[in-house]
Amino acid sequence: MGKRIWESVLFSLEWRLYAYVITVAFLYATTGELAFAAVQALGLQLVLLVCHTTWYYFRQEGSHGFTLDALATRLSRMILHSFSRGN
């Protein structure tokens, strides 16, 4: 499990670096303050890193309760069950 989490962190880090540079450039262009832009972009990228790592981990683990596949399956079963109960 630890190996899979580490792999998901490494997978996400490269993209977070690119996104950080783009976000800093955008925030600097809109606010005109480099320090503010850098800190705000760092906070945003940390949140996105955690979210992406979690998503990637659950995606690699298969159909669990937190993936869209599992939620769609559960929802379709509930709908099917409600239709079959009505007859």
PDB file of N, CA and C in Angstrom:
ATOM      1  N   MET A   1       0.827  -1.186   0.000  1.00  0.00           N
ATOM      2  CA  MET A   1       0.000   0.000   0.000  1.00  0.00           C
ATOM      3  C   MET A   1       0.874   1.254   0.000  1.00  0.00           C
ATOM      4  N   GLY A   2       1.908   1.283   0.813  1.00  0.00           N
ATOM      5  CA  GLY A   2       2.794   2.438   0.860  1.00  0.00           C
ATOM      6  C   GLY A   2       3.490   2.689  -0.468  1.00  0.00           C
ATOM      7  N   LYS A   3       3.830   1.583  -1.156  1.00  0.00           N
ATOM      8  CA  LYS A   3       4.478   1.723  -2.463  1.00  0.00           C
ATOM      9  C   LYS A   3       3.529   2.371  -3.465  1.00  0.00           C
ATOM     10  N   ARG A   4       2.272   1.990  -3.441  1.00  0.00           N
ATOM     11  CA  ARG A   4       1.292   2.559  -4.370  1.00  0.00           C
ATOM     12  C   ARG A   4       1.036   4.033  -4.076  1.00  0.00           C
ATOM     13  N   ILE A   5       0.990   4.384  -2.818  1.00  0.00           N
ATOM     14  CA  ILE A   5       0.803   5.798  -2.472  1.00  0.00           C
ATOM     15  C   ILE A   5       2.013   6.598  -2.946  1.00  0.00           C
ATOM     16  N   TRP A   6       3.209   6.068  -2.724  1.00  0.00           N
ATOM     17  CA  TRP A   6       4.423   6.772  -3.159  1.00  0.00           C
ATOM     18  C   TRP A   6       4.442   6.933  -4.681  1.00  0.00           C
ATOM     19  N   GLU A   7       4.037   5.897  -5.417  1.00  0.00           N
ATOM     20  CA  GLU A   7       3.973   5.989  -6.876  1.00  0.00           C
ATOM     21  C   GLU A   7       2.978   7.050  -7.321  1.00  0.00           C
ATOM     22  N   SER A   8       1.853   7.142  -6.631  1.00  0.00           N
ATOM     23  CA  SER A   8       0.863   8.147  -7.008  1.00  0.00           C
ATOM     24  C   SER A   8       1.361   9.554  -6.707  1.00  0.00           C
ATOM     25  N   VAL A   9       2.128   9.714  -5.626  1.00  0.00           N
ATOM     26  CA  VAL A   9       2.707  11.028  -5.319  1.00  0.00           C
ATOM     27  C   VAL A   9       3.715  11.423  -6.394  1.00  0.00           C
ATOM     28  N   LEU A  10       4.580  10.497  -6.771  1.00  0.00           N
ATOM     29  CA  LEU A  10       5.574  10.790  -7.804  1.00  0.00           C
ATOM     30  C   LEU A  10       4.923  11.092  -9.146  1.00  0.00           C
ATOM     31  N   PHE A  11       3.861  10.375  -9.477  1.00  0.00           N
ATOM     32  CA  PHE A  11       3.146  10.619 -10.724  1.00  0.00           C
ATOM     33  C   PHE A  11       2.565  12.032 -10.751  1.00  0.00           C
ATOM     34  N   SER A  12       2.084  12.482  -9.622  1.00  0.00           N
ATOM     35  CA  SER A  12       1.434  13.785  -9.550  1.00  0.00           C
ATOM     36  C   SER A  12       2.431  14.941  -9.439  1.00  0.00           C
ATOM     37  N   LEU A  13       3.603  14.711  -8.877  1.00  0.00           N
ATOM     38  CA  LEU A  13       4.553  15.797  -8.629  1.00  0.00           C
ATOM     39  C   LEU A  13       5.009  16.511  -9.898  1.00  0.00           C
ATOM     40  N   GLU A  14       5.249  15.768 -10.953  1.00  0.00           N
ATOM     41  CA  GLU A  14       5.709  16.395 -12.191  1.00  0.00           C
ATOM     42  C   GLU A  14       4.665  17.375 -12.716  1.00  0.00           C
ATOM     43  N   TRP A  15       3.430  16.957 -12.725  1.00  0.00           N
ATOM     44  CA  TRP A  15       2.376  17.837 -13.224  1.00  0.00           C
ATOM     45  C   TRP A  15       2.119  19.001 -12.289  1.00  0.00           C
ATOM     46  N   ARG A  16       2.300  18.797 -10.998  1.00  0.00           N
ATOM     47  CA  ARG A  16       2.130  19.898 -10.047  1.00  0.00           C
ATOM     48  C   ARG A  16       3.183  20.975 -10.287  1.00  0.00           C
ATOM     49  N   LEU A  17       4.395  20.583 -10.652  1.00  0.00           N
ATOM     50  CA  LEU A  17       5.445  21.562 -10.924  1.00  0.00           C
ATOM     51  C   LEU A  17       5.074  22.439 -12.116  1.00  0.00           C
ATOM     52  N   TYR A  18       4.633  21.811 -13.193  1.00  0.00           N
ATOM     53  CA  TYR A  18       4.195  22.588 -14.360  1.00  0.00           C
ATOM     54  C   TYR A  18       3.022  23.499 -14.003  1.00  0.00           C
ATOM     55  N   ALA A  19       2.062  22.966 -13.298  1.00  0.00           N
ATOM     56  CA  ALA A  19       0.889  23.750 -12.924  1.00  0.00           C
ATOM     57  C   ALA A  19       1.263  24.885 -11.982  1.00  0.00           C
ATOM     58  N   TYR A  20       2.252  24.674 -11.113  1.00  0.00           N
ATOM     59  CA  TYR A  20       2.694  25.726 -10.208  1.00  0.00           C
ATOM     60  C   TYR A  20       3.262  26.908 -10.984  1.00  0.00           C
ATOM     61  N   VAL A  21       4.106  26.623 -11.952  1.00  0.00           N
ATOM     62  CA  VAL A  21       4.704  27.699 -12.753  1.00  0.00           C
ATOM     63  C   VAL A  21       3.622  28.472 -13.507  1.00  0.00           C
ATOM     64  N   ILE A  22       2.690  27.761 -14.098  1.00  0.00           N
ATOM     65  CA  ILE A  22       1.608  28.419 -14.838  1.00  0.00           C
ATOM     66  C   ILE A  22       0.727  29.240 -13.897  1.00  0.00           C
ATOM     67  N   THR A  23       0.411  28.697 -12.728  1.00  0.00           N
ATOM     68  CA  THR A  23      -0.441  29.403 -11.772  1.00  0.00           C
ATOM     69  C   THR A  23       0.251  30.648 -11.235  1.00  0.00           C
ATOM     70  N   VAL A  24       1.539  30.554 -10.923  1.00  0.00           N
ATOM     71  CA  VAL A  24       2.278  31.727 -10.453  1.00  0.00           C
ATOM     72  C   VAL A  24       2.285  32.811 -11.521  1.00  0.00           C
ATOM     73  N   ALA A  25       2.530  32.415 -12.761  1.00  0.00           N
ATOM     74  CA  ALA A  25       2.543  33.397 -13.846  1.00  0.00           C
ATOM     75  C   ALA A  25       1.188  34.075 -13.991  1.00  0.00           C
ATOM     76  N   PHE A  26       0.118  33.300 -13.912  1.00  0.00           N
ATOM     77  CA  PHE A  26      -1.226  33.870 -14.024  1.00  0.00           C
ATOM     78  C   PHE A  26      -1.538  34.807 -12.863  1.00  0.00           C
ATOM     79  N   LEU A  27      -1.271  34.364 -11.639  1.00  0.00           N
ATOM     80  CA  LEU A  27      -1.572  35.196 -10.471  1.00  0.00           C
ATOM     81  C   LEU A  27      -0.691  36.442 -10.433  1.00  0.00           C
ATOM     82  N   TYR A  28       0.541  36.328 -10.867  1.00  0.00           N
ATOM     83  CA  TYR A  28       1.424  37.498 -10.917  1.00  0.00           C
ATOM     84  C   TYR A  28       0.919  38.506 -11.946  1.00  0.00           C
ATOM     85  N   ALA A  29       0.446  38.004 -13.063  1.00  0.00           N
ATOM     86  CA  ALA A  29      -0.087  38.892 -14.105  1.00  0.00           C
ATOM     87  C   ALA A  29      -1.363  39.586 -13.644  1.00  0.00           C
ATOM     88  N   THR A  30      -2.176  38.906 -12.835  1.00  0.00           N
ATOM     89  CA  THR A  30      -3.447  39.503 -12.412  1.00  0.00           C
ATOM     90  C   THR A  30      -3.314  40.356 -11.156  1.00  0.00           C
ATOM     91  N   THR A  31      -2.383  40.008 -10.254  1.00  0.00           N
ATOM     92  CA  THR A  31      -2.255  40.771  -9.004  1.00  0.00           C
ATOM     93  C   THR A  31      -1.088  41.737  -9.010  1.00  0.00           C
ATOM     94  N   GLY A  32      -0.046  41.431  -9.751  1.00  0.00           N
ATOM     95  CA  GLY A  32       1.132  42.284  -9.788  1.00  0.00           C
ATOM     96  C   GLY A  32       2.068  42.089  -8.620  1.00  0.00           C
ATOM     97  N   GLU A  33       1.814  41.111  -7.758  1.00  0.00           N
ATOM     98  CA  GLU A  33       2.665  40.841  -6.595  1.00  0.00           C
ATOM     99  C   GLU A  33       3.192  39.409  -6.684  1.00  0.00           C
ATOM    100  N   LEU A  34       4.483  39.286  -6.860  1.00  0.00           N
ATOM    101  CA  LEU A  34       5.084  37.972  -7.063  1.00  0.00           C
ATOM    102  C   LEU A  34       5.027  37.106  -5.805  1.00  0.00           C
ATOM    103  N   ALA A  35       5.314  37.688  -4.645  1.00  0.00           N
ATOM    104  CA  ALA A  35       5.303  36.901  -3.404  1.00  0.00           C
ATOM    105  C   ALA A  35       3.901  36.370  -3.114  1.00  0.00           C
ATOM    106  N   PHE A  36       2.895  37.208  -3.261  1.00  0.00           N
ATOM    107  CA  PHE A  36       1.515  36.777  -3.048  1.00  0.00           C
ATOM    108  C   PHE A  36       1.147  35.663  -4.031  1.00  0.00           C
ATOM    109  N   ALA A  37       1.522  35.836  -5.290  1.00  0.00           N
ATOM    110  CA  ALA A  37       1.211  34.840  -6.314  1.00  0.00           C
ATOM    111  C   ALA A  37       1.888  33.511  -6.011  1.00  0.00           C
ATOM    112  N   ALA A  38       3.137  33.550  -5.562  1.00  0.00           N
ATOM    113  CA  ALA A  38       3.879  32.321  -5.276  1.00  0.00           C
ATOM    114  C   ALA A  38       3.272  31.558  -4.105  1.00  0.00           C
ATOM    115  N   VAL A  39       2.898  32.279  -3.050  1.00  0.00           N
ATOM    116  CA  VAL A  39       2.319  31.624  -1.872  1.00  0.00           C
ATOM    117  C   VAL A  39       0.942  31.062  -2.185  1.00  0.00           C
ATOM    118  N   GLN A  40       0.117  31.824  -2.877  1.00  0.00           N
ATOM    119  CA  GLN A  40      -1.212  31.343  -3.233  1.00  0.00           C
ATOM    120  C   GLN A  40      -1.130  30.130  -4.158  1.00  0.00           C
ATOM    121  N   ALA A  41      -0.239  30.175  -5.124  1.00  0.00           N
ATOM    122  CA  ALA A  41      -0.086  29.052  -6.041  1.00  0.00           C
ATOM    123  C   ALA A  41       0.439  27.814  -5.320  1.00  0.00           C
ATOM    124  N   LEU A  42       1.334  28.002  -4.365  1.00  0.00           N
ATOM    125  CA  LEU A  42       1.844  26.869  -3.602  1.00  0.00           C
ATOM    126  C   LEU A  42       0.730  26.208  -2.793  1.00  0.00           C
ATOM    127  N   GLY A  43      -0.100  27.016  -2.141  1.00  0.00           N
ATOM    128  CA  GLY A  43      -1.226  26.463  -1.387  1.00  0.00           C
ATOM    129  C   GLY A  43      -2.184  25.700  -2.282  1.00  0.00           C
ATOM    130  N   LEU A  44      -2.491  26.276  -3.428  1.00  0.00           N
ATOM    131  CA  LEU A  44      -3.383  25.607  -4.375  1.00  0.00           C
ATOM    132  C   LEU A  44      -2.782  24.294  -4.859  1.00  0.00           C
ATOM    133  N   GLN A  45      -1.520  24.295  -5.190  1.00  0.00           N
ATOM    134  CA  GLN A  45      -0.892  23.083  -5.696  1.00  0.00           C
ATOM    135  C   GLN A  45      -0.774  21.997  -4.631  1.00  0.00           C
ATOM    136  N   LEU A  46      -0.605  22.381  -3.378  1.00  0.00           N
ATOM    137  CA  LEU A  46      -0.583  21.382  -2.301  1.00  0.00           C
ATOM    138  C   LEU A  46      -1.938  20.702  -2.157  1.00  0.00           C
ATOM    139  N   VAL A  47      -3.000  21.483  -2.222  1.00  0.00           N
ATOM    140  CA  VAL A  47      -4.352  20.911  -2.152  1.00  0.00           C
ATOM    141  C   VAL A  47      -4.587  19.992  -3.343  1.00  0.00           C
ATOM    142  N   LEU A  48      -4.209  20.445  -4.523  1.00  0.00           N
ATOM    143  CA  LEU A  48      -4.388  19.621  -5.716  1.00  0.00           C
ATOM    144  C   LEU A  48      -3.530  18.366  -5.679  1.00  0.00           C
ATOM    145  N   LEU A  49      -2.338  18.446  -5.113  1.00  0.00           N
ATOM    146  CA  LEU A  49      -1.490  17.267  -4.980  1.00  0.00           C
ATOM    147  C   LEU A  49      -2.153  16.208  -4.111  1.00  0.00           C
ATOM    148  N   VAL A  50      -2.700  16.619  -2.994  1.00  0.00           N
ATOM    149  CA  VAL A  50      -3.376  15.671  -2.100  1.00  0.00           C
ATOM    150  C   VAL A  50      -4.591  15.055  -2.792  1.00  0.00           C
ATOM    151  N   CYS A  51      -5.387  15.885  -3.444  1.00  0.00           N
ATOM    152  CA  CYS A  51      -6.582  15.376  -4.125  1.00  0.00           C
ATOM    153  C   CYS A  51      -6.219  14.435  -5.273  1.00  0.00           C
ATOM    154  N   HIS A  52      -5.247  14.814  -6.070  1.00  0.00           N
ATOM    155  CA  HIS A  52      -4.859  13.976  -7.201  1.00  0.00           C
ATOM    156  C   HIS A  52      -4.224  12.676  -6.743  1.00  0.00           C
ATOM    157  N   THR A  53      -3.399  12.738  -5.710  1.00  0.00           N
ATOM    158  CA  THR A  53      -2.784  11.522  -5.174  1.00  0.00           C
ATOM    159  C   THR A  53      -3.843  10.553  -4.672  1.00  0.00           C
ATOM    160  N   THR A  54      -4.833  11.076  -3.960  1.00  0.00           N
ATOM    161  CA  THR A  54      -5.922  10.236  -3.462  1.00  0.00           C
ATOM    162  C   THR A  54      -6.699   9.616  -4.615  1.00  0.00           C
ATOM    163  N   TRP A  55      -7.039  10.432  -5.614  1.00  0.00           N
ATOM    164  CA  TRP A  55      -7.778   9.927  -6.771  1.00  0.00           C
ATOM    165  C   TRP A  55      -6.974   8.857  -7.503  1.00  0.00           C
ATOM    166  N   TYR A  56      -5.697   9.109  -7.727  1.00  0.00           N
ATOM    167  CA  TYR A  56      -4.858   8.165  -8.454  1.00  0.00           C
ATOM    168  C   TYR A  56      -4.717   6.859  -7.685  1.00  0.00           C
ATOM    169  N   TYR A  57      -4.585   6.933  -6.380  1.00  0.00           N
ATOM    170  CA  TYR A  57      -4.466   5.731  -5.557  1.00  0.00           C
ATOM    171  C   TYR A  57      -5.721   4.874  -5.662  1.00  0.00           C
ATOM    172  N   PHE A  58      -6.895   5.510  -5.500  1.00  0.00           N
ATOM    173  CA  PHE A  58      -8.129   4.731  -5.566  1.00  0.00           C
ATOM    174  C   PHE A  58      -8.373   4.198  -6.974  1.00  0.00           C
ATOM    175  N   ARG A  59      -7.951   4.925  -7.989  1.00  0.00           N
ATOM    176  CA  ARG A  59      -8.095   4.450  -9.355  1.00  0.00           C
ATOM    177  C   ARG A  59      -7.243   3.208  -9.588  1.00  0.00           C
ATOM    178  N   GLN A  60      -6.042   3.176  -9.026  1.00  0.00           N
ATOM    179  CA  GLN A  60      -5.150   2.032  -9.175  1.00  0.00           C
ATOM    180  C   GLN A  60      -5.633   0.830  -8.374  1.00  0.00           C
ATOM    181  N   GLU A  61      -6.326   1.076  -7.286  1.00  0.00           N
ATOM    182  CA  GLU A  61      -6.791  -0.008  -6.432  1.00  0.00           C
ATOM    183  C   GLU A  61      -8.006  -0.731  -7.010  1.00  0.00           C
ATOM    184  N   GLY A  62      -8.687  -0.121  -7.958  1.00  0.00           N
ATOM    185  CA  GLY A  62      -9.871  -0.750  -8.540  1.00  0.00           C
ATOM    186  C   GLY A  62     -11.135  -0.074  -8.046  1.00  0.00           C
ATOM    187  N   SER A  63     -12.227  -0.750  -8.190  1.00  0.00           N
ATOM    188  CA  SER A  63     -13.526  -0.166  -7.878  1.00  0.00           C
ATOM    189  C   SER A  63     -13.774  -0.163  -6.372  1.00  0.00           C
ATOM    190  N   HIS A  64     -13.568   0.980  -5.767  1.00  0.00           N
ATOM    191  CA  HIS A  64     -13.844   1.172  -4.346  1.00  0.00           C
ATOM    192  C   HIS A  64     -14.953   2.198  -4.210  1.00  0.00           C
ATOM    193  N   GLY A  65     -15.358   2.462  -3.020  1.00  0.00           N
ATOM    194  CA  GLY A  65     -16.454   3.377  -2.782  1.00  0.00           C
ATOM    195  C   GLY A  65     -16.191   4.812  -3.169  1.00  0.00           C
ATOM    196  N   PHE A  66     -14.937   5.196  -3.334  1.00  0.00           N
ATOM    197  CA  PHE A  66     -14.625   6.589  -3.623  1.00  0.00           C
ATOM    198  C   PHE A  66     -14.356   6.863  -5.101  1.00  0.00           C
ATOM    199  N   THR A  67     -14.493   5.863  -5.953  1.00  0.00           N
ATOM    200  CA  THR A  67     -14.267   6.095  -7.372  1.00  0.00           C
ATOM    201  C   THR A  67     -15.588   6.373  -8.065  1.00  0.00           C
ATOM    202  N   LEU A  68     -15.523   7.041  -9.189  1.00  0.00           N
ATOM    203  CA  LEU A  68     -16.741   7.337  -9.938  1.00  0.00           C
ATOM    204  C   LEU A  68     -17.390   6.069 -10.460  1.00  0.00           C
ATOM    205  N   ASP A  69     -16.592   5.062 -10.809  1.00  0.00           N
ATOM    206  CA  ASP A  69     -17.157   3.792 -11.271  1.00  0.00           C
ATOM    207  C   ASP A  69     -18.014   3.157 -10.181  1.00  0.00           C
ATOM    208  N   ALA A  70     -17.497   3.130  -8.975  1.00  0.00           N
ATOM    209  CA  ALA A  70     -18.236   2.522  -7.878  1.00  0.00           C
ATOM    210  C   ALA A  70     -19.487   3.322  -7.542  1.00  0.00           C
ATOM    211  N   LEU A  71     -19.377   4.648  -7.578  1.00  0.00           N
ATOM    212  CA  LEU A  71     -20.555   5.467  -7.290  1.00  0.00           C
ATOM    213  C   LEU A  71     -21.623   5.313  -8.369  1.00  0.00           C
ATOM    214  N   ALA A  72     -21.214   5.248  -9.635  1.00  0.00           N
ATOM    215  CA  ALA A  72     -22.173   5.051 -10.724  1.00  0.00           C
ATOM    216  C   ALA A  72     -22.832   3.680 -10.626  1.00  0.00           C
ATOM    217  N   THR A  73     -22.052   2.666 -10.276  1.00  0.00           N
ATOM    218  CA  THR A  73     -22.607   1.322 -10.117  1.00  0.00           C
ATOM    219  C   THR A  73     -23.611   1.291  -8.977  1.00  0.00           C
ATOM    220  N   ARG A  74     -23.268   1.910  -7.862  1.00  0.00           N
ATOM    221  CA  ARG A  74     -24.166   1.943  -6.716  1.00  0.00           C
ATOM    222  C   ARG A  74     -25.454   2.689  -7.055  1.00  0.00           C
ATOM    223  N   LEU A  75     -25.340   3.809  -7.752  1.00  0.00           N
ATOM    224  CA  LEU A  75     -26.514   4.594  -8.129  1.00  0.00           C
ATOM    225  C   LEU A  75     -27.410   3.810  -9.081  1.00  0.00           C
ATOM    226  N   SER A  76     -26.815   3.146 -10.068  1.00  0.00           N
ATOM    227  CA  SER A  76     -27.629   2.372 -11.010  1.00  0.00           C
ATOM    228  C   SER A  76     -28.312   1.200 -10.314  1.00  0.00           C
ATOM    229  N   ARG A  77     -27.653   0.588  -9.357  1.00  0.00           N
ATOM    230  CA  ARG A  77     -28.292  -0.511  -8.601  1.00  0.00           C
ATOM    231  C   ARG A  77     -29.457   0.002  -7.767  1.00  0.00           C
ATOM    232  N   MET A  78     -29.298   1.182  -7.188  1.00  0.00           N
ATOM    233  CA  MET A  78     -30.392   1.753  -6.408  1.00  0.00           C
ATOM    234  C   MET A  78     -31.586   2.076  -7.295  1.00  0.00           C
ATOM    235  N   ILE A  79     -31.331   2.615  -8.477  1.00  0.00           N
ATOM    236  CA  ILE A  79     -32.422   2.932  -9.407  1.00  0.00           C
ATOM    237  C   ILE A  79     -33.113   1.655  -9.866  1.00  0.00           C
ATOM    238  N   LEU A  80     -32.327   0.651 -10.238  1.00  0.00           N
ATOM    239  CA  LEU A  80     -32.895  -0.616 -10.659  1.00  0.00           C
ATOM    240  C   LEU A  80     -33.697  -1.251  -9.536  1.00  0.00           C
ATOM    241  N   HIS A  81     -33.192  -1.186  -8.340  1.00  0.00           N
ATOM    242  CA  HIS A  81     -33.899  -1.753  -7.188  1.00  0.00           C
ATOM    243  C   HIS A  81     -35.219  -1.020  -6.932  1.00  0.00           C
ATOM    244  N   SER A  82     -35.222   0.303  -7.078  1.00  0.00           N
ATOM    245  CA  SER A  82     -36.464   1.058  -6.845  1.00  0.00           C
ATOM    246  C   SER A  82     -37.508   0.740  -7.910  1.00  0.00           C
ATOM    247  N   PHE A  83     -37.079   0.484  -9.168  1.00  0.00           N
ATOM    248  CA  PHE A  83     -38.027   0.116 -10.215  1.00  0.00           C
ATOM    249  C   PHE A  83     -38.569  -1.283  -9.994  1.00  0.00           C
ATOM    250  N   SER A  84     -37.739  -2.221  -9.586  1.00  0.00           N
ATOM    251  CA  SER A  84     -38.183  -3.600  -9.379  1.00  0.00           C
ATOM    252  C   SER A  84     -39.044  -3.729  -8.143  1.00  0.00           C
ATOM    253  N   ARG A  85     -38.870  -2.882  -7.174  1.00  0.00           N
ATOM    254  CA  ARG A  85     -39.675  -2.910  -5.951  1.00  0.00           C
ATOM    255  C   ARG A  85     -41.087  -2.402  -6.217  1.00  0.00           C
ATOM    256  N   GLY A  86     -41.225  -1.497  -7.185  1.00  0.00           N
ATOM    257  CA  GLY A  86     -42.535  -0.925  -7.493  1.00  0.00           C
ATOM    258  C   GLY A  86     -43.469  -1.883  -8.200  1.00  0.00           C
ATOM    259  N   ASN A  87     -42.933  -2.948  -8.842  1.00  0.00           N
ATOM    260  CA  ASN A  87     -43.797  -3.875  -9.594  1.00  0.00           C
ATOM    261  C   ASN A  87     -44.362  -4.938  -8.737  1.00  0.00           C
TER     262      ASN A  87
END
